């Protein structure tokens, strides 16, 4: 692997970064004009109104970079390989536009979970129709090494994957810089996996996604000056979900999807745990609570910054596990996964949800942690 070659594909990252960074102040002003303001909530950690239109900068930053560097309207040469126009890329861009617009309306006027869900299904359907799909799985014992799914099974699995990952990022957007940072780390890991396997179209897309998240992050890290809103979190989730399916057709789907699952394991786990928690408490899935992993970490005495950095570390560990397993190093990947899940278990086991959805320490005999004001450290 040539590190010089890897650096040579970074212009798409830097363009997305620069565009998102420059457009975020514009998004702040637009938020005030269109009324995209997040008011303090009982389950939130903020005490003052905050503009929530960062998705405007994230989406445009990513879109500008993709229009400049992806082979949308003609061939592009990347690392000596000619990339031809691919309808999958239009499926990704078209679907992300739908998700972005849904998020914009929700940020400005508010939408019901049902309407947002239908919109996400529509966006995922556009991606599937244009070729972004899971339509086979690889098995050594199968004829020709593959088992192909009927179109309706492919459609169902693909919709579940895209809509599921889209919402995992949305549900993780609970602290300053959390969703943007996790998206940046996840996209960077997927980009590296795509690069080392020669999947250059996927690599470029996730580098653009990583760049836009990175450009927004300085404005969103604690103390935040702007939130990304649903227009940002849904867009980032959709881009990660669809980009992870852009691997060449010759790659067994179980491998192409397994590595993104490991990279995105933290938000996937948090979302799954939230669904189970609300089902056990007999609450609708769409009803928010304070039982997410980031709430539990804060409950043991950490401020926003340390909580977010802790989750960055867990996400990064799982991302490296995804990279390692993509190279066939199964046992090394398993070891990293064990380390990551031990950390997750520590925070889940140390706290328990109360009736109102908040969390408290289980060890009543332990001295109470002195919770400082928001990150005076």
Protein backbone atom coordinates (compact mmCIF):
# COMPACT_ATOMS: atom_id res chain seq x y z
CA UNK A 1 0.00 0.00 0.00
CA UNK A 2 1.48 3.32 -1.09
CA UNK A 3 0.86 6.12 1.43
CA UNK A 4 1.60 8.73 -1.26
CA UNK A 5 -1.24 7.34 -3.35
CA UNK A 6 -3.58 7.48 -0.37
CA UNK A 7 -2.75 11.13 0.25
CA UNK A 8 -3.33 11.90 -3.43
CA UNK A 9 -7.08 11.20 -3.12
CA UNK A 10 -7.48 13.56 -0.17
CA UNK A 11 -8.46 16.67 -2.21
CA UNK A 12 -12.10 15.55 -2.05
CA UNK A 13 -11.83 15.48 1.75
CA UNK A 14 -10.30 18.95 1.95
CA UNK A 15 -12.85 20.48 -0.45
CA UNK A 16 -15.72 19.03 1.59
CA UNK A 17 -14.05 20.21 4.80
CA UNK A 18 -13.47 23.76 3.54
CA UNK A 19 -16.98 24.07 2.10
CA UNK A 20 -18.71 22.78 5.24
CA UNK A 21 -16.53 24.91 7.50
CA UNK A 22 -17.20 28.07 5.47
CA UNK A 23 -20.94 27.41 5.10
CA UNK A 24 -21.64 26.72 8.77
CA UNK A 25 -21.73 30.43 9.77
CA UNK A 26 -24.14 30.93 6.87
CA UNK A 27 -26.26 28.10 8.23
CA UNK A 28 -26.37 29.81 11.64
CA UNK A 29 -27.77 32.98 10.11
CA UNK A 30 -30.26 31.04 8.00
CA UNK A 31 -31.44 29.15 11.07
CA UNK A 32 -32.45 32.39 12.74
CA UNK A 33 -34.32 33.58 9.66
CA UNK A 34 -36.26 30.37 9.00
CA UNK A 35 -36.90 29.54 12.64
CA UNK A 36 -34.72 26.42 12.87
CA UNK A 37 -34.00 26.91 16.56
CA UNK A 38 -33.64 24.14 19.12
CA UNK A 39 -35.27 25.08 22.41
CA UNK A 40 -34.08 23.58 25.73
CA UNK A 41 -35.76 20.24 26.51
CA UNK A 42 -36.15 18.24 29.68
CA UNK A 43 -34.07 15.37 28.26
CA UNK A 44 -31.44 17.67 26.78
CA UNK A 45 -28.20 18.99 28.24
CA UNK A 46 -28.47 22.54 26.93
CA UNK A 47 -30.09 25.46 28.68
CA UNK A 48 -30.36 28.05 25.91
CA UNK A 49 -31.85 28.20 22.40
CA UNK A 50 -29.49 26.97 19.69
CA UNK A 51 -29.63 27.15 15.86
CA UNK A 52 -30.06 23.65 14.43
CA UNK A 53 -29.45 24.04 10.73
CA UNK A 54 -25.93 22.63 10.43
CA UNK A 55 -27.16 20.02 7.96
CA UNK A 56 -27.24 22.82 5.38
CA UNK A 57 -23.44 23.12 5.56
CA UNK A 58 -22.84 19.38 5.88
CA UNK A 59 -24.94 18.45 2.85
CA UNK A 60 -23.70 21.24 0.58
CA UNK A 61 -20.09 20.65 1.58
CA UNK A 62 -20.38 16.98 0.72
CA UNK A 63 -22.35 17.64 -2.47
CA UNK A 64 -19.86 20.20 -3.80
CA UNK A 65 -16.97 17.80 -3.26
CA UNK A 66 -18.79 14.87 -4.89
CA UNK A 67 -19.81 16.94 -7.93
CA UNK A 68 -16.18 17.96 -8.43
CA UNK A 69 -14.46 14.61 -7.93
CA UNK A 70 -16.90 11.76 -8.63
CA UNK A 71 -17.37 10.32 -12.15
CA UNK A 72 -20.94 11.59 -12.51
CA UNK A 73 -20.87 13.07 -15.99
CA UNK A 74 -17.68 11.63 -17.39
CA UNK A 75 -14.73 9.41 -16.63
CA UNK A 76 -12.39 10.21 -13.76
CA UNK A 77 -8.96 8.72 -13.25
CA UNK A 78 -8.25 7.83 -9.64
CA UNK A 79 -4.88 6.30 -8.68
CA UNK A 80 -4.38 5.14 -12.24
CA UNK A 81 -7.80 3.48 -12.46
CA UNK A 82 -10.49 4.88 -14.76
CA UNK A 83 -13.83 5.28 -12.99
CA UNK A 84 -16.80 5.47 -15.34
CA UNK A 85 -20.15 7.14 -14.61
CA UNK A 86 -22.28 4.88 -12.43
CA UNK A 87 -26.02 5.20 -11.80
CA UNK A 88 -25.39 4.10 -8.20
CA UNK A 89 -23.79 7.46 -7.51
CA UNK A 90 -26.94 9.23 -8.71
CA UNK A 91 -28.94 6.96 -6.42
CA UNK A 92 -26.77 8.03 -3.51
CA UNK A 93 -26.99 11.73 -4.33
CA UNK A 94 -30.71 11.62 -5.16
CA UNK A 95 -31.60 9.67 -2.03
CA UNK A 96 -29.47 11.93 0.18
CA UNK A 97 -31.25 14.98 -1.28
CA UNK A 98 -34.62 13.51 -0.25
CA UNK A 99 -33.36 12.76 3.26
CA UNK A 100 -31.79 16.22 3.55
CA UNK A 101 -35.01 17.98 2.52
CA UNK A 102 -37.01 15.90 5.00
CA UNK A 103 -34.56 16.96 7.70
CA UNK A 104 -34.81 20.61 6.68
CA UNK A 105 -38.60 20.59 6.99
CA UNK A 106 -38.34 18.84 10.33
CA UNK A 107 -35.77 21.35 11.61
CA UNK A 108 -37.91 24.31 10.57
CA UNK A 109 -41.49 23.18 11.13
CA UNK A 110 -41.31 19.74 12.68
CA UNK A 111 -42.52 16.46 11.19
CA UNK A 112 -44.13 13.41 12.75
CA UNK A 113 -41.95 10.29 13.05
CA UNK A 114 -44.30 8.55 10.60
CA UNK A 115 -43.75 11.16 7.88
CA UNK A 116 -39.97 11.09 8.40
CA UNK A 117 -39.97 7.31 8.23
CA UNK A 118 -41.93 7.31 4.96
CA UNK A 119 -39.49 9.84 3.52
CA UNK A 120 -36.53 7.67 4.51
CA UNK A 121 -38.17 4.66 2.87
CA UNK A 122 -38.61 6.70 -0.32
CA UNK A 123 -34.95 7.78 -0.28
CA UNK A 124 -33.79 4.21 0.28
CA UNK A 125 -36.07 3.02 -2.52
CA UNK A 126 -34.49 5.51 -4.93
CA UNK A 127 -31.06 4.19 -3.97
CA UNK A 128 -32.20 0.57 -4.46
CA UNK A 129 -33.77 1.28 -7.86
CA UNK A 130 -30.50 2.81 -9.04
CA UNK A 131 -28.44 -0.19 -8.02
CA UNK A 132 -27.42 0.39 -4.39
CA UNK A 133 -28.61 -2.90 -2.99
CA UNK A 134 -27.82 -6.08 -1.11
CA UNK A 135 -28.81 -8.79 -3.57
CA UNK A 136 -26.52 -11.72 -2.82
CA UNK A 137 -24.39 -13.24 -0.11
CA UNK A 138 -21.19 -15.22 -0.43
CA UNK A 139 -20.81 -18.80 0.78
CA UNK A 140 -18.01 -21.16 -0.19
CA UNK A 141 -20.41 -24.12 -0.29
CA UNK A 142 -22.88 -22.34 -2.61
CA UNK A 143 -22.82 -22.80 -6.40
CA UNK A 144 -20.30 -20.32 -7.82
CA UNK A 145 -19.74 -19.14 -4.23
CA UNK A 146 -22.88 -16.98 -4.05
CA UNK A 147 -26.53 -17.19 -3.07
CA UNK A 148 -28.62 -14.58 -4.87
CA UNK A 149 -31.72 -13.10 -3.24
CA UNK A 150 -35.08 -12.64 -4.99
CA UNK A 151 -35.71 -8.97 -5.74
CA UNK A 152 -38.21 -8.59 -2.91
CA UNK A 153 -35.76 -10.02 -0.35
CA UNK A 154 -33.04 -7.73 -1.71
CA UNK A 155 -35.39 -4.77 -1.42
CA UNK A 156 -36.37 -5.57 2.17
CA UNK A 157 -32.81 -6.15 3.39
CA UNK A 158 -31.53 -3.04 1.64
CA UNK A 159 -34.29 -0.83 3.04
CA UNK A 160 -33.69 -2.18 6.54
CA UNK A 161 -29.97 -1.48 6.27
CA UNK A 162 -30.25 2.05 4.84
CA UNK A 163 -33.12 3.23 7.06
CA UNK A 164 -31.58 1.56 10.11
CA UNK A 165 -28.14 3.16 9.73
CA UNK A 166 -29.70 6.51 8.83
CA UNK A 167 -31.51 6.54 12.16
CA UNK A 168 -28.59 5.28 14.24
CA UNK A 169 -26.67 8.49 13.55
CA UNK A 170 -29.80 10.54 14.26
CA UNK A 171 -30.29 8.86 17.64
CA UNK A 172 -26.64 9.43 18.60
CA UNK A 173 -26.97 13.18 18.05
CA UNK A 174 -27.42 13.96 21.73
CA UNK A 175 -24.23 15.81 22.75
CA UNK A 176 -22.07 18.53 21.23
CA UNK A 177 -19.88 17.03 18.52
CA UNK A 178 -21.01 13.44 19.09
CA UNK A 179 -22.79 12.60 15.83
CA UNK A 180 -20.34 14.62 13.71
CA UNK A 181 -17.31 13.03 15.34
CA UNK A 182 -18.67 9.48 15.15
CA UNK A 183 -19.56 10.04 11.48
CA UNK A 184 -16.06 11.37 10.80
CA UNK A 185 -14.37 8.39 12.46
CA UNK A 186 -16.69 5.85 10.81
CA UNK A 187 -16.32 7.41 7.37
CA UNK A 188 -12.54 7.60 7.71
CA UNK A 189 -12.33 3.91 8.61
CA UNK A 190 -14.61 2.87 5.74
CA UNK A 191 -12.57 5.06 3.37
CA UNK A 192 -9.38 3.30 4.43
CA UNK A 193 -10.97 -0.13 3.97
CA UNK A 194 -12.22 0.92 0.52
CA UNK A 195 -8.78 2.23 -0.42
CA UNK A 196 -6.81 -0.86 0.54
CA UNK A 197 -9.22 -3.04 -1.47
CA UNK A 198 -9.27 -0.73 -4.50
CA UNK A 199 -12.92 0.35 -4.18
CA UNK A 200 -12.16 3.91 -5.21
CA UNK A 201 -15.71 5.15 -5.84
CA UNK A 202 -16.70 4.15 -2.32
CA UNK A 203 -13.50 5.67 -0.98
CA UNK A 204 -14.21 9.05 -2.59
CA UNK A 205 -17.81 9.16 -1.33
CA UNK A 206 -16.92 8.42 2.28
CA UNK A 207 -13.96 10.82 2.16
CA UNK A 208 -16.40 13.55 1.09
CA UNK A 209 -18.70 12.52 3.95
CA UNK A 210 -15.81 12.56 6.41
CA UNK A 211 -14.68 15.98 5.16
CA UNK A 212 -18.09 17.57 5.57
CA UNK A 213 -18.44 16.15 9.09
CA UNK A 214 -14.93 17.38 9.95
CA UNK A 215 -15.66 20.85 8.60
CA UNK A 216 -18.77 21.15 10.73
CA UNK A 217 -17.22 19.68 13.88
CA UNK A 218 -15.24 22.79 15.02
CA UNK A 219 -18.52 24.71 15.20
CA UNK A 220 -20.36 21.84 16.91
CA UNK A 221 -17.81 20.59 19.47
CA UNK A 222 -18.52 21.62 23.05
CA UNK A 223 -19.46 24.35 23.65
CA UNK A 224 -21.47 24.15 20.43
CA UNK A 225 -22.36 27.21 18.41
CA UNK A 226 -24.80 25.31 16.21
CA UNK A 227 -26.50 21.90 16.05
CA UNK A 228 -26.63 19.81 12.88
CA UNK A 229 -30.34 19.07 13.27
CA UNK A 230 -32.10 16.22 11.52
CA UNK A 231 -31.01 17.69 8.19
CA UNK A 232 -27.45 16.85 9.19
CA UNK A 233 -27.74 13.64 11.19
CA UNK A 234 -30.12 11.94 8.75
CA UNK A 235 -27.96 12.98 5.79
CA UNK A 236 -24.76 11.67 7.36
CA UNK A 237 -26.45 8.40 8.30
CA UNK A 238 -27.87 7.94 4.81
CA UNK A 239 -24.51 8.66 3.16
CA UNK A 240 -22.70 6.17 5.39
CA UNK A 241 -25.36 3.51 4.81
CA UNK A 242 -25.44 3.82 1.02
CA UNK A 243 -21.72 4.41 0.53
CA UNK A 244 -20.98 1.16 2.38
CA UNK A 245 -22.86 -0.70 -0.39
CA UNK A 246 -20.82 0.74 -3.25
CA UNK A 247 -18.26 -2.07 -3.26
CA UNK A 248 -17.82 -3.82 -6.62
CA UNK A 249 -20.32 -6.53 -7.53
CA UNK A 250 -17.63 -9.20 -7.41
CA UNK A 251 -17.24 -8.75 -3.64
CA UNK A 252 -19.36 -11.11 -1.49
CA UNK A 253 -22.05 -9.00 0.15
CA UNK A 254 -21.54 -10.58 3.57
CA UNK A 255 -17.99 -9.20 3.54
CA UNK A 256 -18.93 -5.83 2.07
CA UNK A 257 -21.53 -5.25 4.81
CA UNK A 258 -19.71 -6.92 7.71
CA UNK A 259 -16.92 -4.36 7.88
CA UNK A 260 -19.28 -1.34 7.95
CA UNK A 261 -21.28 -3.13 10.68
CA UNK A 262 -18.13 -3.31 12.80
CA UNK A 263 -17.18 0.29 12.02
CA UNK A 264 -20.70 1.47 12.90
CA UNK A 265 -21.08 -0.95 15.82
CA UNK A 266 -21.36 1.78 18.47
CA UNK A 267 -24.37 3.64 17.01
CA UNK A 268 -25.92 0.32 15.95
CA UNK A 269 -25.59 -1.04 19.49
CA UNK A 270 -26.96 2.14 21.07
CA UNK A 271 -29.96 2.11 18.74
CA UNK A 272 -30.67 -1.58 19.40
CA UNK A 273 -30.36 -1.04 23.14
CA UNK A 274 -32.75 1.94 22.94
CA UNK A 275 -35.35 -0.15 21.09
CA UNK A 276 -35.11 -2.97 23.64
CA UNK A 277 -35.19 -0.53 26.57
CA UNK A 278 -38.31 1.20 25.33
CA UNK A 279 -40.01 -2.09 24.52
CA UNK A 280 -39.32 -3.38 28.04
CA UNK A 281 -40.66 -0.14 29.52
CA UNK A 282 -43.68 -0.35 27.17
CA UNK A 283 -42.93 2.98 25.58
CA UNK A 284 -43.13 3.85 21.87
CA UNK A 285 -39.81 3.61 20.02
CA UNK A 286 -40.15 7.24 18.93
CA UNK A 287 -40.40 8.54 22.53
CA UNK A 288 -37.04 9.98 23.57
CA UNK A 289 -35.43 9.18 26.91
CA UNK A 290 -32.14 9.67 28.73
CA UNK A 291 -31.00 6.07 28.65
CA UNK A 292 -28.62 6.38 25.69
CA UNK A 293 -25.01 5.42 26.22
CA UNK A 294 -23.86 9.04 26.27
CA UNK A 295 -26.41 9.83 29.00
CA UNK A 296 -25.16 6.88 31.04
CA UNK A 297 -21.55 7.97 30.75
CA UNK A 298 -22.45 11.48 31.88
CA UNK A 299 -24.39 9.99 34.80
CA UNK A 300 -21.15 8.62 36.29
CA UNK A 301 -19.73 12.12 36.50
CA UNK A 302 -18.23 12.96 33.13
CA UNK A 303 -18.90 16.22 31.34
CA UNK A 304 -19.79 16.54 27.68
CA UNK A 305 -16.25 16.72 26.36
CA UNK A 306 -14.95 13.67 28.19
CA UNK A 307 -18.10 11.71 27.37
CA UNK A 308 -17.77 12.49 23.67
CA UNK A 309 -14.04 11.69 23.64
CA UNK A 310 -14.75 8.38 25.38
CA UNK A 311 -17.28 7.47 22.69
CA UNK A 312 -14.84 8.58 19.99
CA UNK A 313 -12.33 6.10 21.44
CA UNK A 314 -14.82 3.23 21.46
CA UNK A 315 -15.92 4.03 17.91
CA UNK A 316 -12.30 4.27 16.77
CA UNK A 317 -11.50 0.89 18.34
CA UNK A 318 -14.39 -0.73 16.48
CA UNK A 319 -13.33 1.07 13.32
CA UNK A 320 -9.85 -0.41 13.57
CA UNK A 321 -11.48 -3.82 14.16
CA UNK A 322 -13.34 -3.34 10.88
CA UNK A 323 -10.11 -2.49 9.09
CA UNK A 324 -8.32 -5.47 10.62
CA UNK A 325 -11.03 -7.99 9.76
CA UNK A 326 -11.12 -6.66 6.19
CA UNK A 327 -7.53 -7.88 5.95
CA UNK A 328 -8.56 -11.34 7.13
CA UNK A 329 -7.18 -10.96 10.68
CA UNK A 330 -10.18 -12.40 12.51
CA UNK A 331 -8.66 -13.04 15.93
CA UNK A 332 -7.04 -9.61 16.14
CA UNK A 333 -10.37 -8.02 15.24
CA UNK A 334 -12.14 -10.10 17.87
CA UNK A 335 -9.69 -8.91 20.53
CA UNK A 336 -10.36 -5.27 19.66
CA UNK A 337 -14.10 -5.89 19.74
CA UNK A 338 -13.82 -7.41 23.20
CA UNK A 339 -11.96 -4.35 24.48
CA UNK A 340 -14.62 -2.03 23.04
CA UNK A 341 -17.55 -3.98 24.47
CA UNK A 342 -15.91 -4.17 27.89
CA UNK A 343 -15.94 -0.36 27.93
CA UNK A 344 -19.57 -0.29 26.83
CA UNK A 345 -20.49 -2.86 29.49
CA UNK A 346 -18.81 -0.80 32.22
CA UNK A 347 -21.07 2.17 31.55
CA UNK A 348 -24.23 0.13 31.04
CA UNK A 349 -23.65 -1.93 34.18
CA UNK A 350 -22.67 1.07 36.32
CA UNK A 351 -25.98 2.82 35.74
CA UNK A 352 -29.57 1.79 35.44
CA UNK A 353 -32.61 3.57 34.00
CA UNK A 354 -35.15 5.02 36.39
CA UNK A 355 -38.87 5.20 35.79
CA UNK A 356 -38.65 8.55 34.02
CA UNK A 357 -35.94 7.31 31.63
CA UNK A 358 -32.98 8.94 33.35
CA UNK A 359 -30.08 6.97 34.75
CA UNK A 360 -28.51 6.66 38.15
CA UNK A 361 -25.58 4.78 39.67
CA UNK A 362 -26.22 1.22 40.77
CA UNK A 363 -23.64 1.26 43.55
CA UNK A 364 -25.47 3.19 46.23
CA UNK A 365 -22.53 2.85 48.65
CA UNK A 366 -20.06 4.47 46.31
CA UNK A 367 -19.30 8.13 46.93
CA UNK A 368 -21.30 10.43 44.70
CA UNK A 369 -19.30 11.88 41.84
CA UNK A 370 -19.04 15.61 41.89
CA UNK A 371 -20.61 16.63 38.60
CA UNK A 372 -18.97 19.87 37.60
CA UNK A 373 -20.44 22.57 35.44
CA UNK A 374 -20.30 21.73 31.75
CA UNK A 375 -16.67 20.82 31.16
CA UNK A 376 -14.77 23.36 33.16
CA UNK A 377 -11.81 21.04 32.79
